[in-house]
Amino acid sequence: MLNTTLKHLEAEQELKDALDTHKNVMICCGRMGPMCLPVYAAMRDLRDEYSNVSFFDQDFDGPAASYIKNLPECAEFRGLPFTVYFRGGKAVVATTSIQTSEQVREILDREFDGK
């Protein structure tokens, strides 16, 4: 399990339940490494501001991560983390590598109609 204050998705069924239950979802699939930590921090800092979005992390090396890893949107990714934004259960944006809070905010505002 990742050492973050985000909600963790440890099983594929938990991920599917999250997508079924929440309209707007951001999942960061990564490790506790230098490229991933800034994305977790951005999510932590923005989650109270974006009450219309559910924020989750997922361990890249866990078996449940295969769902994210096998998404067509992530097929060409080579760096961590894989960050995927879902609306209505469908992936609408996927990014890889480090992201700043400003970059995350831009995607949240564009894809999920702001706060």
N, C-alpha and C. Protein backbone atom coordinates (compact mmCIF):
# COMPACT_ATOMS: atom_id res chain seq x y z
N MET A 1 0.85 -1.18 0.00
CA MET A 1 0.00 0.00 0.00
C MET A 1 0.89 1.24 0.00
N LEU A 2 0.44 2.25 -0.70
CA LEU A 2 1.19 3.50 -0.77
C LEU A 2 1.00 4.29 0.52
N ASN A 3 2.03 5.02 0.89
CA ASN A 3 2.01 5.80 2.13
C ASN A 3 1.58 7.23 1.81
N THR A 4 0.29 7.39 1.49
CA THR A 4 -0.28 8.71 1.22
C THR A 4 -1.53 8.87 2.08
N THR A 5 -2.09 10.05 2.08
CA THR A 5 -3.34 10.29 2.80
C THR A 5 -4.55 10.19 1.87
N LEU A 6 -4.31 9.74 0.64
CA LEU A 6 -5.39 9.56 -0.32
C LEU A 6 -6.11 8.25 -0.07
N LYS A 7 -7.29 8.11 -0.63
CA LYS A 7 -7.99 6.83 -0.58
C LYS A 7 -7.26 5.85 -1.49
N HIS A 8 -7.04 4.65 -1.00
CA HIS A 8 -6.30 3.63 -1.74
C HIS A 8 -7.25 2.67 -2.45
N LEU A 9 -6.90 2.29 -3.66
CA LEU A 9 -7.61 1.25 -4.40
C LEU A 9 -6.68 0.04 -4.46
N GLU A 10 -7.00 -0.99 -3.69
CA GLU A 10 -6.11 -2.14 -3.59
C GLU A 10 -6.58 -3.34 -4.40
N ALA A 11 -7.82 -3.34 -4.83
CA ALA A 11 -8.36 -4.46 -5.60
C ALA A 11 -9.08 -3.91 -6.83
N GLU A 12 -9.07 -4.70 -7.88
CA GLU A 12 -9.72 -4.25 -9.11
C GLU A 12 -11.21 -3.97 -8.88
N GLN A 13 -11.85 -4.75 -8.03
CA GLN A 13 -13.27 -4.51 -7.75
C GLN A 13 -13.47 -3.16 -7.05
N GLU A 14 -12.54 -2.77 -6.19
CA GLU A 14 -12.62 -1.46 -5.55
C GLU A 14 -12.54 -0.35 -6.60
N LEU A 15 -11.68 -0.52 -7.58
CA LEU A 15 -11.56 0.45 -8.65
C LEU A 15 -12.86 0.52 -9.45
N LYS A 16 -13.39 -0.62 -9.81
CA LYS A 16 -14.64 -0.65 -10.58
C LYS A 16 -15.78 -0.04 -9.78
N ASP A 17 -15.83 -0.33 -8.47
CA ASP A 17 -16.86 0.26 -7.61
C ASP A 17 -16.72 1.78 -7.55
N ALA A 18 -15.48 2.26 -7.47
CA ALA A 18 -15.24 3.71 -7.44
C ALA A 18 -15.74 4.36 -8.72
N LEU A 19 -15.47 3.73 -9.86
CA LEU A 19 -15.91 4.28 -11.13
C LEU A 19 -17.42 4.22 -11.28
N ASP A 20 -18.05 3.20 -10.70
CA ASP A 20 -19.51 3.08 -10.75
C ASP A 20 -20.20 4.06 -9.80
N THR A 21 -19.55 4.36 -8.70
CA THR A 21 -20.15 5.16 -7.63
C THR A 21 -19.96 6.66 -7.81
N HIS A 22 -18.82 7.05 -8.36
CA HIS A 22 -18.47 8.47 -8.45
C HIS A 22 -18.45 8.93 -9.91
N LYS A 23 -19.02 10.11 -10.15
CA LYS A 23 -19.08 10.62 -11.52
C LYS A 23 -17.70 11.03 -12.03
N ASN A 24 -16.95 11.75 -11.22
CA ASN A 24 -15.64 12.26 -11.61
C ASN A 24 -14.58 11.65 -10.71
N VAL A 25 -13.60 11.00 -11.32
CA VAL A 25 -12.59 10.27 -10.55
C VAL A 25 -11.20 10.57 -11.13
N MET A 26 -10.25 10.79 -10.22
CA MET A 26 -8.84 10.89 -10.59
C MET A 26 -8.09 9.79 -9.86
N ILE A 27 -7.36 8.96 -10.61
CA ILE A 27 -6.58 7.88 -10.02
C ILE A 27 -5.13 8.05 -10.43
N CYS A 28 -4.26 8.07 -9.44
CA CYS A 28 -2.82 8.13 -9.68
C CYS A 28 -2.24 6.77 -9.33
N CYS A 29 -1.76 6.08 -10.33
CA CYS A 29 -1.21 4.73 -10.19
C CYS A 29 0.31 4.85 -10.23
N GLY A 30 0.95 4.66 -9.08
CA GLY A 30 2.38 4.87 -9.04
C GLY A 30 3.06 4.18 -7.88
N ARG A 31 4.21 4.73 -7.53
CA ARG A 31 5.04 4.23 -6.43
C ARG A 31 5.38 5.42 -5.53
N MET A 32 6.10 5.16 -4.47
CA MET A 32 6.56 6.23 -3.58
C MET A 32 7.91 6.73 -4.08
N GLY A 33 7.91 7.32 -5.25
CA GLY A 33 9.14 7.79 -5.87
C GLY A 33 9.07 9.25 -6.26
N PRO A 34 10.18 9.81 -6.75
CA PRO A 34 10.27 11.25 -7.01
C PRO A 34 9.34 11.77 -8.10
N MET A 35 8.92 10.95 -9.02
CA MET A 35 8.01 11.40 -10.07
C MET A 35 6.55 11.36 -9.60
N CYS A 36 6.28 10.49 -8.65
CA CYS A 36 4.92 10.28 -8.17
C CYS A 36 4.55 11.19 -7.00
N LEU A 37 5.48 11.43 -6.10
CA LEU A 37 5.18 12.19 -4.88
C LEU A 37 4.57 13.56 -5.16
N PRO A 38 5.06 14.33 -6.15
CA PRO A 38 4.41 15.62 -6.42
C PRO A 38 2.96 15.50 -6.89
N VAL A 39 2.64 14.43 -7.58
CA VAL A 39 1.25 14.23 -8.03
C VAL A 39 0.37 13.89 -6.84
N TYR A 40 0.84 13.03 -5.95
CA TYR A 40 0.07 12.73 -4.73
C TYR A 40 -0.14 14.01 -3.92
N ALA A 41 0.91 14.83 -3.82
CA ALA A 41 0.79 16.09 -3.06
C ALA A 41 -0.23 17.02 -3.70
N ALA A 42 -0.22 17.12 -5.02
CA ALA A 42 -1.19 17.96 -5.73
C ALA A 42 -2.61 17.46 -5.46
N MET A 43 -2.80 16.16 -5.52
CA MET A 43 -4.12 15.59 -5.26
C MET A 43 -4.56 15.90 -3.83
N ARG A 44 -3.66 15.72 -2.88
CA ARG A 44 -3.96 16.01 -1.48
C ARG A 44 -4.36 17.47 -1.31
N ASP A 45 -3.61 18.37 -1.94
CA ASP A 45 -3.86 19.79 -1.78
C ASP A 45 -5.14 20.24 -2.48
N LEU A 46 -5.53 19.57 -3.54
CA LEU A 46 -6.70 20.00 -4.32
C LEU A 46 -8.00 19.28 -3.95
N ARG A 47 -7.92 18.18 -3.24
CA ARG A 47 -9.13 17.37 -3.02
C ARG A 47 -10.24 18.11 -2.28
N ASP A 48 -9.91 18.99 -1.33
CA ASP A 48 -10.95 19.74 -0.62
C ASP A 48 -11.57 20.82 -1.50
N GLU A 49 -10.77 21.32 -2.43
CA GLU A 49 -11.23 22.37 -3.34
C GLU A 49 -12.17 21.82 -4.41
N TYR A 50 -11.99 20.56 -4.78
CA TYR A 50 -12.78 19.92 -5.84
C TYR A 50 -13.67 18.83 -5.23
N SER A 51 -14.74 19.25 -4.61
CA SER A 51 -15.64 18.30 -3.96
C SER A 51 -16.40 17.44 -4.97
N ASN A 52 -16.38 17.85 -6.24
CA ASN A 52 -17.06 17.09 -7.28
C ASN A 52 -16.19 16.00 -7.88
N VAL A 53 -14.96 15.83 -7.35
CA VAL A 53 -14.02 14.83 -7.86
C VAL A 53 -13.61 13.93 -6.70
N SER A 54 -13.53 12.63 -6.97
CA SER A 54 -13.03 11.66 -5.99
C SER A 54 -11.60 11.32 -6.37
N PHE A 55 -10.69 11.44 -5.41
CA PHE A 55 -9.26 11.26 -5.63
C PHE A 55 -8.81 9.94 -5.02
N PHE A 56 -8.08 9.14 -5.80
CA PHE A 56 -7.60 7.84 -5.34
C PHE A 56 -6.16 7.63 -5.79
N ASP A 57 -5.44 6.80 -5.01
CA ASP A 57 -4.15 6.33 -5.48
C ASP A 57 -4.22 4.82 -5.63
N GLN A 58 -3.23 4.30 -6.33
CA GLN A 58 -3.15 2.85 -6.54
C GLN A 58 -1.68 2.48 -6.72
N ASP A 59 -1.29 1.39 -6.07
CA ASP A 59 0.09 0.91 -6.15
C ASP A 59 0.33 0.32 -7.54
N PHE A 60 1.30 0.87 -8.25
CA PHE A 60 1.61 0.43 -9.60
C PHE A 60 2.01 -1.04 -9.66
N ASP A 61 2.60 -1.55 -8.58
CA ASP A 61 3.09 -2.92 -8.56
C ASP A 61 2.06 -3.93 -8.04
N GLY A 62 0.89 -3.47 -7.65
CA GLY A 62 -0.15 -4.36 -7.16
C GLY A 62 -0.93 -4.98 -8.31
N PRO A 63 -1.55 -6.12 -8.06
CA PRO A 63 -2.29 -6.80 -9.13
C PRO A 63 -3.47 -5.99 -9.67
N ALA A 64 -4.06 -5.14 -8.86
CA ALA A 64 -5.21 -4.36 -9.31
C ALA A 64 -4.81 -3.29 -10.32
N ALA A 65 -3.52 -2.94 -10.38
CA ALA A 65 -3.06 -1.90 -11.29
C ALA A 65 -3.17 -2.30 -12.76
N SER A 66 -3.40 -3.55 -13.02
CA SER A 66 -3.50 -4.00 -14.42
C SER A 66 -4.62 -3.28 -15.16
N TYR A 67 -5.68 -2.92 -14.47
CA TYR A 67 -6.78 -2.20 -15.12
C TYR A 67 -6.27 -0.89 -15.72
N ILE A 68 -5.56 -0.11 -14.91
CA ILE A 68 -5.02 1.17 -15.38
C ILE A 68 -3.94 0.94 -16.44
N LYS A 69 -3.03 0.03 -16.16
CA LYS A 69 -1.92 -0.24 -17.09
C LYS A 69 -2.40 -0.67 -18.47
N ASN A 70 -3.54 -1.35 -18.53
CA ASN A 70 -4.05 -1.88 -19.80
C ASN A 70 -5.03 -0.97 -20.52
N LEU A 71 -5.27 0.21 -19.99
CA LEU A 71 -6.15 1.15 -20.69
C LEU A 71 -5.47 1.60 -21.99
N PRO A 72 -6.21 1.71 -23.07
CA PRO A 72 -5.63 2.19 -24.33
C PRO A 72 -4.96 3.55 -24.17
N GLU A 73 -5.51 4.39 -23.30
CA GLU A 73 -4.96 5.73 -23.08
C GLU A 73 -3.55 5.69 -22.46
N CYS A 74 -3.19 4.56 -21.86
CA CYS A 74 -1.89 4.42 -21.19
C CYS A 74 -0.92 3.54 -21.99
N ALA A 75 -1.31 3.11 -23.16
CA ALA A 75 -0.53 2.12 -23.92
C ALA A 75 0.89 2.57 -24.23
N GLU A 76 1.11 3.84 -24.45
CA GLU A 76 2.43 4.34 -24.83
C GLU A 76 3.24 4.88 -23.64
N PHE A 77 2.69 4.83 -22.45
CA PHE A 77 3.36 5.40 -21.29
C PHE A 77 4.59 4.60 -20.92
N ARG A 78 5.65 5.29 -20.56
CA ARG A 78 6.90 4.65 -20.13
C ARG A 78 7.35 5.13 -18.75
N GLY A 79 6.79 6.23 -18.27
CA GLY A 79 7.18 6.77 -16.97
C GLY A 79 6.06 6.68 -15.95
N LEU A 80 6.41 6.84 -14.70
CA LEU A 80 5.43 6.83 -13.62
C LEU A 80 5.24 8.24 -13.11
N PRO A 81 4.08 8.50 -12.54
CA PRO A 81 2.91 7.63 -12.41
C PRO A 81 2.03 7.68 -13.66
N PHE A 82 1.11 6.75 -13.72
CA PHE A 82 0.03 6.80 -14.70
C PHE A 82 -1.13 7.48 -13.97
N THR A 83 -1.56 8.63 -14.44
CA THR A 83 -2.67 9.34 -13.81
C THR A 83 -3.81 9.39 -14.81
N VAL A 84 -4.97 8.89 -14.37
CA VAL A 84 -6.11 8.80 -15.28
C VAL A 84 -7.30 9.51 -14.65
N TYR A 85 -7.97 10.30 -15.46
CA TYR A 85 -9.15 11.06 -15.06
C TYR A 85 -10.35 10.41 -15.74
N PHE A 86 -11.35 10.05 -14.96
CA PHE A 86 -12.55 9.37 -15.46
C PHE A 86 -13.77 10.24 -15.24
N ARG A 87 -14.64 10.27 -16.22
CA ARG A 87 -15.95 10.91 -16.10
C ARG A 87 -16.99 9.89 -16.50
N GLY A 88 -17.93 9.63 -15.61
CA GLY A 88 -18.98 8.66 -15.90
C GLY A 88 -18.43 7.27 -16.18
N GLY A 89 -17.32 6.92 -15.52
CA GLY A 89 -16.74 5.58 -15.68
C GLY A 89 -15.83 5.42 -16.89
N LYS A 90 -15.70 6.45 -17.70
CA LYS A 90 -14.86 6.39 -18.91
C LYS A 90 -13.63 7.28 -18.75
N ALA A 91 -12.49 6.78 -19.19
CA ALA A 91 -11.27 7.58 -19.15
C ALA A 91 -11.39 8.73 -20.14
N VAL A 92 -11.16 9.96 -19.66
CA VAL A 92 -11.25 11.13 -20.53
C VAL A 92 -9.88 11.76 -20.77
N VAL A 93 -8.96 11.58 -19.83
CA VAL A 93 -7.59 12.09 -19.97
C VAL A 93 -6.68 11.14 -19.20
N ALA A 94 -5.50 10.91 -19.75
CA ALA A 94 -4.47 10.15 -19.04
C ALA A 94 -3.15 10.86 -19.24
N THR A 95 -2.39 10.96 -18.16
CA THR A 95 -1.08 11.59 -18.22
C THR A 95 -0.06 10.67 -17.58
N THR A 96 1.19 10.90 -17.91
CA THR A 96 2.26 10.14 -17.30
C THR A 96 3.35 11.10 -16.83
N SER A 97 4.07 10.68 -15.85
CA SER A 97 5.19 11.42 -15.30
C SER A 97 4.70 12.49 -14.34
N ILE A 98 5.63 13.28 -13.91
CA ILE A 98 5.38 14.30 -12.88
C ILE A 98 4.39 15.35 -13.39
N GLN A 99 3.55 15.84 -12.49
CA GLN A 99 2.63 16.93 -12.79
C GLN A 99 2.64 17.90 -11.62
N THR A 100 2.53 19.16 -11.92
CA THR A 100 2.42 20.19 -10.88
C THR A 100 0.95 20.34 -10.49
N SER A 101 0.72 21.02 -9.39
CA SER A 101 -0.66 21.31 -8.98
C SER A 101 -1.38 22.11 -10.05
N GLU A 102 -0.67 23.01 -10.71
CA GLU A 102 -1.29 23.82 -11.76
C GLU A 102 -1.73 22.96 -12.94
N GLN A 103 -0.91 22.00 -13.32
CA GLN A 103 -1.27 21.10 -14.42
C GLN A 103 -2.48 20.24 -14.05
N VAL A 104 -2.49 19.73 -12.82
CA VAL A 104 -3.63 18.93 -12.36
C VAL A 104 -4.88 19.80 -12.33
N ARG A 105 -4.76 20.99 -11.79
CA ARG A 105 -5.90 21.92 -11.70
C ARG A 105 -6.48 22.21 -13.10
N GLU A 106 -5.61 22.42 -14.08
CA GLU A 106 -6.07 22.70 -15.44
C GLU A 106 -6.93 21.55 -15.97
N ILE A 107 -6.49 20.33 -15.75
CA ILE A 107 -7.26 19.17 -16.22
C ILE A 107 -8.57 19.06 -15.45
N LEU A 108 -8.52 19.23 -14.14
CA LEU A 108 -9.75 19.15 -13.34
C LEU A 108 -10.76 20.19 -13.80
N ASP A 109 -10.30 21.41 -14.02
CA ASP A 109 -11.22 22.47 -14.46
C ASP A 109 -11.79 22.18 -15.85
N ARG A 110 -10.95 21.73 -16.74
CA ARG A 110 -11.39 21.49 -18.13
C ARG A 110 -12.32 20.28 -18.21
N GLU A 111 -11.97 19.19 -17.55
CA GLU A 111 -12.72 17.95 -17.71
C GLU A 111 -13.92 17.81 -16.78
N PHE A 112 -13.84 18.48 -15.63
CA PHE A 112 -14.89 18.29 -14.61
C PHE A 112 -15.60 19.59 -14.28
N ASP A 113 -15.57 20.54 -15.19
CA ASP A 113 -16.30 21.79 -15.04
C ASP A 113 -15.99 22.53 -13.74
N GLY A 114 -14.72 22.59 -13.41
CA GLY A 114 -14.31 23.36 -12.22
C GLY A 114 -14.71 22.69 -10.93
N LYS A 115 -14.90 23.50 -9.93
CA LYS A 115 -15.14 23.02 -8.56
C LYS A 115 -16.57 22.73 -8.40
